[in-house]
Amino acid sequence: MNTPTHLLIGLAVCGKAHAPRVNLAAVVGGLMPDLSLYLLSIHAIWWRGISPQIVFDEYYFSDAWQAVFQVDNSFILWGGLLILAFWRGPLWLRAFAGAGFLHLCFDFPFHNDDARAQFWPLTDWVFHSPLSYWDVDHHGGWVALAELALVVVLLGILWRRHHGMLARIGLGLTAASVILPAVIFSAL
């Protein structure tokens, strides 16, 4: 699933009207499982001058990068944090951990050859789903349509919940970052 969709899911499920700290925690939690990918990619492409093709065809699958991904995509770690948050944590920590855990739940069925070790540190086993959120060889076109529908529904829910201009601008930009590329690339 695309990262902006995870942000919307986290905010819709774990956020709360008129609770900026909780909402920020939900958005950040929704981002965290993908953050290392962005940081590693930006460093490799922009600072080291490595081509995106090499980054995503080779570096992404390297042992070093996968070692990072298995930490921030671990159901075990996020699940532990979620349990701790509900046992002793404040509402913002529940939102953060809940959104991060939901991110993993929505990624699990939609990553094929790009899946990560989801149950580290207990095992390095990787579930390779028959579906992909992007790869048309693994039904990516259909999954993308379902994701677009989900984004529209989430946008409607969040638009009704959040009335501030900045919140609505953020929601619109986030949804547009998923919807516009789909519209543009489907027209090509």
C-alpha atoms as a PDB file:
ATOM      1  CA  MET A   1       0.000   0.000   0.000  1.00  0.00           C
ATOM      2  CA  ASN A   2       1.190   3.522  -0.667  1.00  0.00           C
ATOM      3  CA  THR A   3       2.475   5.468   2.327  1.00  0.00           C
ATOM      4  CA  PRO A   4      -0.095   8.296   2.068  1.00  0.00           C
ATOM      5  CA  THR A   5      -2.860   5.710   2.318  1.00  0.00           C
ATOM      6  CA  HIS A   6      -1.293   4.417   5.532  1.00  0.00           C
ATOM      7  CA  LEU A   7      -1.305   7.967   6.916  1.00  0.00           C
ATOM      8  CA  LEU A   8      -5.015   8.317   6.161  1.00  0.00           C
ATOM      9  CA  ILE A   9      -5.809   4.900   7.679  1.00  0.00           C
ATOM     10  CA  GLY A  10      -3.844   5.714  10.822  1.00  0.00           C
ATOM     11  CA  LEU A  11      -5.555   9.068  11.210  1.00  0.00           C
ATOM     12  CA  ALA A  12      -9.030   7.681  10.508  1.00  0.00           C
ATOM     13  CA  VAL A  13      -8.753   4.733  12.903  1.00  0.00           C
ATOM     14  CA  CYS A  14      -6.437   6.071  15.612  1.00  0.00           C
ATOM     15  CA  GLY A  15      -6.968   9.814  15.394  1.00  0.00           C
ATOM     16  CA  LYS A  16      -9.536  11.874  17.224  1.00  0.00           C
ATOM     17  CA  ALA A  17     -11.391  15.092  16.463  1.00  0.00           C
ATOM     18  CA  HIS A  18      -9.958  18.152  18.228  1.00  0.00           C
ATOM     19  CA  ALA A  19      -6.916  16.251  19.505  1.00  0.00           C
ATOM     20  CA  PRO A  20      -3.911  17.562  17.550  1.00  0.00           C
ATOM     21  CA  ARG A  21      -1.311  15.650  19.571  1.00  0.00           C
ATOM     22  CA  VAL A  22      -3.168  12.356  19.105  1.00  0.00           C
ATOM     23  CA  ASN A  23      -3.681  13.055  15.390  1.00  0.00           C
ATOM     24  CA  LEU A  24      -0.015  13.885  14.867  1.00  0.00           C
ATOM     25  CA  ALA A  25       0.958  10.675  16.670  1.00  0.00           C
ATOM     26  CA  ALA A  26      -1.413   8.677  14.435  1.00  0.00           C
ATOM     27  CA  VAL A  27       0.064  10.197  11.275  1.00  0.00           C
ATOM     28  CA  VAL A  28       3.655   9.653  12.435  1.00  0.00           C
ATOM     29  CA  GLY A  29       2.835   6.083  13.480  1.00  0.00           C
ATOM     30  CA  GLY A  30       1.383   5.437  10.039  1.00  0.00           C
ATOM     31  CA  LEU A  31       4.601   6.717   8.466  1.00  0.00           C
ATOM     32  CA  MET A  32       7.168   4.976  10.673  1.00  0.00           C
ATOM     33  CA  PRO A  33       7.277   1.528   9.006  1.00  0.00           C
ATOM     34  CA  ASP A  34       8.174   3.228   5.680  1.00  0.00           C
ATOM     35  CA  LEU A  35      10.419   5.987   7.034  1.00  0.00           C
ATOM     36  CA  SER A  36      13.649   3.996   6.805  1.00  0.00           C
ATOM     37  CA  LEU A  37      12.962   3.250   3.137  1.00  0.00           C
ATOM     38  CA  TYR A  38      12.569   6.964   2.427  1.00  0.00           C
ATOM     39  CA  LEU A  39      15.685   7.913   4.361  1.00  0.00           C
ATOM     40  CA  LEU A  40      17.848   5.184   2.827  1.00  0.00           C
ATOM     41  CA  SER A  41      16.569   5.955  -0.681  1.00  0.00           C
ATOM     42  CA  ILE A  42      17.044   9.714  -0.360  1.00  0.00           C
ATOM     43  CA  HIS A  43      20.570   9.189   0.951  1.00  0.00           C
ATOM     44  CA  ALA A  44      21.461   6.787  -1.859  1.00  0.00           C
ATOM     45  CA  ILE A  45      19.837   8.711  -4.717  1.00  0.00           C
ATOM     46  CA  TRP A  46      20.336  12.355  -3.793  1.00  0.00           C
ATOM     47  CA  TRP A  47      23.476  12.326  -1.702  1.00  0.00           C
ATOM     48  CA  ARG A  48      25.411   9.426  -3.203  1.00  0.00           C
ATOM     49  CA  GLY A  49      24.112   9.857  -6.768  1.00  0.00           C
ATOM     50  CA  ILE A  50      23.059   6.232  -7.232  1.00  0.00           C
ATOM     51  CA  SER A  51      20.403   5.652  -9.866  1.00  0.00           C
ATOM     52  CA  PRO A  52      16.878   4.873  -8.607  1.00  0.00           C
ATOM     53  CA  GLN A  53      16.918   1.669 -10.654  1.00  0.00           C
ATOM     54  CA  ILE A  54      19.956   0.371  -8.761  1.00  0.00           C
ATOM     55  CA  VAL A  55      18.500   1.532  -5.433  1.00  0.00           C
ATOM     56  CA  PHE A  56      15.176  -0.256  -5.933  1.00  0.00           C
ATOM     57  CA  ASP A  57      16.426  -3.277  -7.884  1.00  0.00           C
ATOM     58  CA  GLU A  58      19.533  -4.011  -5.807  1.00  0.00           C
ATOM     59  CA  TYR A  59      19.946  -1.967  -2.624  1.00  0.00           C
ATOM     60  CA  TYR A  60      16.335  -2.526  -1.521  1.00  0.00           C
ATOM     61  CA  PHE A  61      16.945  -6.292  -1.495  1.00  0.00           C
ATOM     62  CA  SER A  62      20.410  -6.124   0.099  1.00  0.00           C
ATOM     63  CA  ASP A  63      20.981  -7.750   3.468  1.00  0.00           C
ATOM     64  CA  ALA A  64      21.865  -4.380   5.006  1.00  0.00           C
ATOM     65  CA  TRP A  65      18.635  -2.670   3.939  1.00  0.00           C
ATOM     66  CA  GLN A  66      16.499  -5.697   4.756  1.00  0.00           C
ATOM     67  CA  ALA A  67      18.048  -5.770   8.243  1.00  0.00           C
ATOM     68  CA  VAL A  68      16.699  -2.259   8.800  1.00  0.00           C
ATOM     69  CA  PHE A  69      13.296  -3.064   7.291  1.00  0.00           C
ATOM     70  CA  GLN A  70      12.796  -6.156   9.461  1.00  0.00           C
ATOM     71  CA  VAL A  71      13.015  -3.951  12.564  1.00  0.00           C
ATOM     72  CA  ASP A  72      10.551  -1.248  11.541  1.00  0.00           C
ATOM     73  CA  ASN A  73       8.176  -3.750   9.912  1.00  0.00           C
ATOM     74  CA  SER A  74       8.068  -6.248  12.767  1.00  0.00           C
ATOM     75  CA  PHE A  75       4.636  -7.304  13.997  1.00  0.00           C
ATOM     76  CA  ILE A  76       6.408  -8.433  17.151  1.00  0.00           C
ATOM     77  CA  LEU A  77       7.891  -5.017  17.956  1.00  0.00           C
ATOM     78  CA  TRP A  78       4.834  -2.989  16.921  1.00  0.00           C
ATOM     79  CA  GLY A  79       2.525  -5.435  18.674  1.00  0.00           C
ATOM     80  CA  GLY A  80       4.598  -5.191  21.853  1.00  0.00           C
ATOM     81  CA  LEU A  81       4.506  -1.403  21.696  1.00  0.00           C
ATOM     82  CA  LEU A  82       0.741  -1.481  21.119  1.00  0.00           C
ATOM     83  CA  ILE A  83       0.200  -3.756  24.130  1.00  0.00           C
ATOM     84  CA  LEU A  84       2.400  -1.525  26.274  1.00  0.00           C
ATOM     85  CA  ALA A  85       0.565   1.587  25.050  1.00  0.00           C
ATOM     86  CA  PHE A  86      -2.848   0.171  25.936  1.00  0.00           C
ATOM     87  CA  TRP A  87      -1.592  -1.161  29.259  1.00  0.00           C
ATOM     88  CA  ARG A  88       0.203   1.961  30.494  1.00  0.00           C
ATOM     89  CA  GLY A  89       0.467   4.559  27.770  1.00  0.00           C
ATOM     90  CA  PRO A  90      -1.198   7.877  27.085  1.00  0.00           C
ATOM     91  CA  LEU A  91      -3.694   8.266  24.253  1.00  0.00           C
ATOM     92  CA  TRP A  92      -1.095   9.703  21.851  1.00  0.00           C
ATOM     93  CA  LEU A  93       1.098   6.592  22.304  1.00  0.00           C
ATOM     94  CA  ARG A  94      -1.900   4.363  21.616  1.00  0.00           C
ATOM     95  CA  ALA A  95      -2.557   6.313  18.424  1.00  0.00           C
ATOM     96  CA  PHE A  96       1.095   6.077  17.363  1.00  0.00           C
ATOM     97  CA  ALA A  97       1.412   2.341  18.052  1.00  0.00           C
ATOM     98  CA  GLY A  98      -2.025   1.573  16.640  1.00  0.00           C
ATOM     99  CA  ALA A  99      -1.314   3.382  13.377  1.00  0.00           C
ATOM    100  CA  GLY A 100       2.069   1.668  13.024  1.00  0.00           C
ATOM    101  CA  PHE A 101       0.530  -1.739  13.661  1.00  0.00           C
ATOM    102  CA  LEU A 102      -2.290  -1.036  11.191  1.00  0.00           C
ATOM    103  CA  HIS A 103       0.330  -0.080   8.607  1.00  0.00           C
ATOM    104  CA  LEU A 104       1.809  -3.562   8.904  1.00  0.00           C
ATOM    105  CA  CYS A 105      -1.636  -5.187   8.777  1.00  0.00           C
ATOM    106  CA  PHE A 106      -2.469  -3.410   5.525  1.00  0.00           C
ATOM    107  CA  ASP A 107       0.969  -4.090   4.002  1.00  0.00           C
ATOM    108  CA  PHE A 108       1.007  -7.806   4.844  1.00  0.00           C
ATOM    109  CA  PRO A 109      -1.456  -8.932   2.138  1.00  0.00           C
ATOM    110  CA  PHE A 110      -0.090  -6.612  -0.578  1.00  0.00           C
ATOM    111  CA  HIS A 111       3.663  -7.207  -0.810  1.00  0.00           C
ATOM    112  CA  ASN A 112       4.929  -9.969  -3.062  1.00  0.00           C
ATOM    113  CA  ASP A 113       8.633 -10.020  -3.965  1.00  0.00           C
ATOM    114  CA  ASP A 114       9.192  -6.770  -2.056  1.00  0.00           C
ATOM    115  CA  ALA A 115       7.910  -8.170   1.261  1.00  0.00           C
ATOM    116  CA  ARG A 116       9.986  -7.782   4.404  1.00  0.00           C
ATOM    117  CA  ALA A 117      10.577 -10.094   7.372  1.00  0.00           C
ATOM    118  CA  GLN A 118       7.403  -9.397   9.331  1.00  0.00           C
ATOM    119  CA  PHE A 119       8.054 -11.378  12.520  1.00  0.00           C
ATOM    120  CA  TRP A 120      11.593 -10.387  13.440  1.00  0.00           C
ATOM    121  CA  PRO A 121      13.231 -11.041  15.921  1.00  0.00           C
ATOM    122  CA  LEU A 122      11.479 -14.400  16.266  1.00  0.00           C
ATOM    123  CA  THR A 123      12.128 -15.390  12.658  1.00  0.00           C
ATOM    124  CA  ASP A 124      13.495 -14.056   9.371  1.00  0.00           C
ATOM    125  CA  TRP A 125      10.666 -15.779   7.484  1.00  0.00           C
ATOM    126  CA  VAL A 126       8.919 -13.570   4.927  1.00  0.00           C
ATOM    127  CA  PHE A 127       5.348 -13.937   3.731  1.00  0.00           C
ATOM    128  CA  HIS A 128       5.224 -13.301  -0.031  1.00  0.00           C
ATOM    129  CA  SER A 129       1.625 -12.477  -0.787  1.00  0.00           C
ATOM    130  CA  PRO A 130       0.106 -13.500  -4.116  1.00  0.00           C
ATOM    131  CA  LEU A 131      -1.081  -9.866  -4.307  1.00  0.00           C
ATOM    132  CA  SER A 132       0.874  -6.678  -4.808  1.00  0.00           C
ATOM    133  CA  TYR A 133      -0.185  -3.073  -4.344  1.00  0.00           C
ATOM    134  CA  TRP A 134       1.843  -2.051  -7.415  1.00  0.00           C
ATOM    135  CA  ASP A 135       2.957  -5.055  -9.495  1.00  0.00           C
ATOM    136  CA  VAL A 136       0.453  -5.836 -12.263  1.00  0.00           C
ATOM    137  CA  ASP A 137       1.858  -9.375 -12.481  1.00  0.00           C
ATOM    138  CA  HIS A 138       0.384  -9.877  -9.001  1.00  0.00           C
ATOM    139  CA  HIS A 139      -2.970  -8.141  -9.526  1.00  0.00           C
ATOM    140  CA  GLY A 140      -1.567  -4.693  -8.760  1.00  0.00           C
ATOM    141  CA  GLY A 141      -4.098  -2.981 -11.011  1.00  0.00           C
ATOM    142  CA  TRP A 142      -7.023  -4.377  -9.022  1.00  0.00           C
ATOM    143  CA  VAL A 143      -5.370  -3.720  -5.689  1.00  0.00           C
ATOM    144  CA  ALA A 144      -4.658  -0.132  -6.776  1.00  0.00           C
ATOM    145  CA  LEU A 145      -8.336   0.359  -7.632  1.00  0.00           C
ATOM    146  CA  ALA A 146      -9.342  -0.964  -4.208  1.00  0.00           C
ATOM    147  CA  GLU A 147      -6.792   1.350  -2.590  1.00  0.00           C
ATOM    148  CA  LEU A 148      -8.197   4.337  -4.493  1.00  0.00           C
ATOM    149  CA  ALA A 149     -11.693   3.476  -3.309  1.00  0.00           C
ATOM    150  CA  LEU A 150     -10.404   3.199   0.256  1.00  0.00           C
ATOM    151  CA  VAL A 151      -8.685   6.596  -0.026  1.00  0.00           C
ATOM    152  CA  VAL A 152     -11.937   8.212  -1.196  1.00  0.00           C
ATOM    153  CA  VAL A 153     -13.848   6.670   1.738  1.00  0.00           C
ATOM    154  CA  LEU A 154     -11.146   7.691   4.230  1.00  0.00           C
ATOM    155  CA  LEU A 155     -11.074  11.209   2.819  1.00  0.00           C
ATOM    156  CA  GLY A 156     -14.843  11.469   3.305  1.00  0.00           C
ATOM    157  CA  ILE A 157     -14.616  10.264   6.908  1.00  0.00           C
ATOM    158  CA  LEU A 158     -11.714  12.536   7.764  1.00  0.00           C
ATOM    159  CA  TRP A 159     -13.190  15.539   5.958  1.00  0.00           C
ATOM    160  CA  ARG A 160     -16.269  15.296   8.189  1.00  0.00           C
ATOM    161  CA  ARG A 161     -14.164  14.886  11.328  1.00  0.00           C
ATOM    162  CA  HIS A 162     -11.618  17.656  10.752  1.00  0.00           C
ATOM    163  CA  HIS A 163     -12.922  21.125   9.881  1.00  0.00           C
ATOM    164  CA  GLY A 164      -9.789  23.267  10.134  1.00  0.00           C
ATOM    165  CA  MET A 165      -8.359  24.689   6.921  1.00  0.00           C
ATOM    166  CA  LEU A 166      -4.848  23.315   7.538  1.00  0.00           C
ATOM    167  CA  ALA A 167      -6.221  19.863   8.336  1.00  0.00           C
ATOM    168  CA  ARG A 168      -8.300  19.838   5.182  1.00  0.00           C
ATOM    169  CA  ILE A 169      -5.394  21.052   3.050  1.00  0.00           C
ATOM    170  CA  GLY A 170      -3.253  18.258   4.504  1.00  0.00           C
ATOM    171  CA  LEU A 171      -5.982  15.694   3.868  1.00  0.00           C
ATOM    172  CA  GLY A 172      -6.483  16.898   0.304  1.00  0.00           C
ATOM    173  CA  LEU A 173      -2.768  16.835  -0.487  1.00  0.00           C
ATOM    174  CA  THR A 174      -2.343  13.394   1.057  1.00  0.00           C
ATOM    175  CA  ALA A 175      -5.282  11.957  -0.876  1.00  0.00           C
ATOM    176  CA  ALA A 176      -4.154  13.693  -4.069  1.00  0.00           C
ATOM    177  CA  SER A 177      -0.716  12.082  -3.758  1.00  0.00           C
ATOM    178  CA  VAL A 178      -2.433   8.709  -4.201  1.00  0.00           C
ATOM    179  CA  ILE A 179      -5.255   9.645  -6.563  1.00  0.00           C
ATOM    180  CA  LEU A 180      -3.460  11.885  -9.088  1.00  0.00           C
ATOM    181  CA  PRO A 181      -0.688   9.442 -10.056  1.00  0.00           C
ATOM    182  CA  ALA A 182      -3.302   6.722 -10.562  1.00  0.00           C
ATOM    183  CA  VAL A 183      -5.335   9.001 -12.829  1.00  0.00           C
ATOM    184  CA  ILE A 184      -2.299  10.223 -14.756  1.00  0.00           C
ATOM    185  CA  PHE A 185      -0.763   6.782 -15.282  1.00  0.00           C
ATOM    186  CA  SER A 186      -4.080   5.202 -16.247  1.00  0.00           C
ATOM    187  CA  ALA A 187      -4.387   7.778 -19.029  1.00  0.00           C
ATOM    188  CA  LEU A 188      -0.981   6.866 -20.490  1.00  0.00           C
END
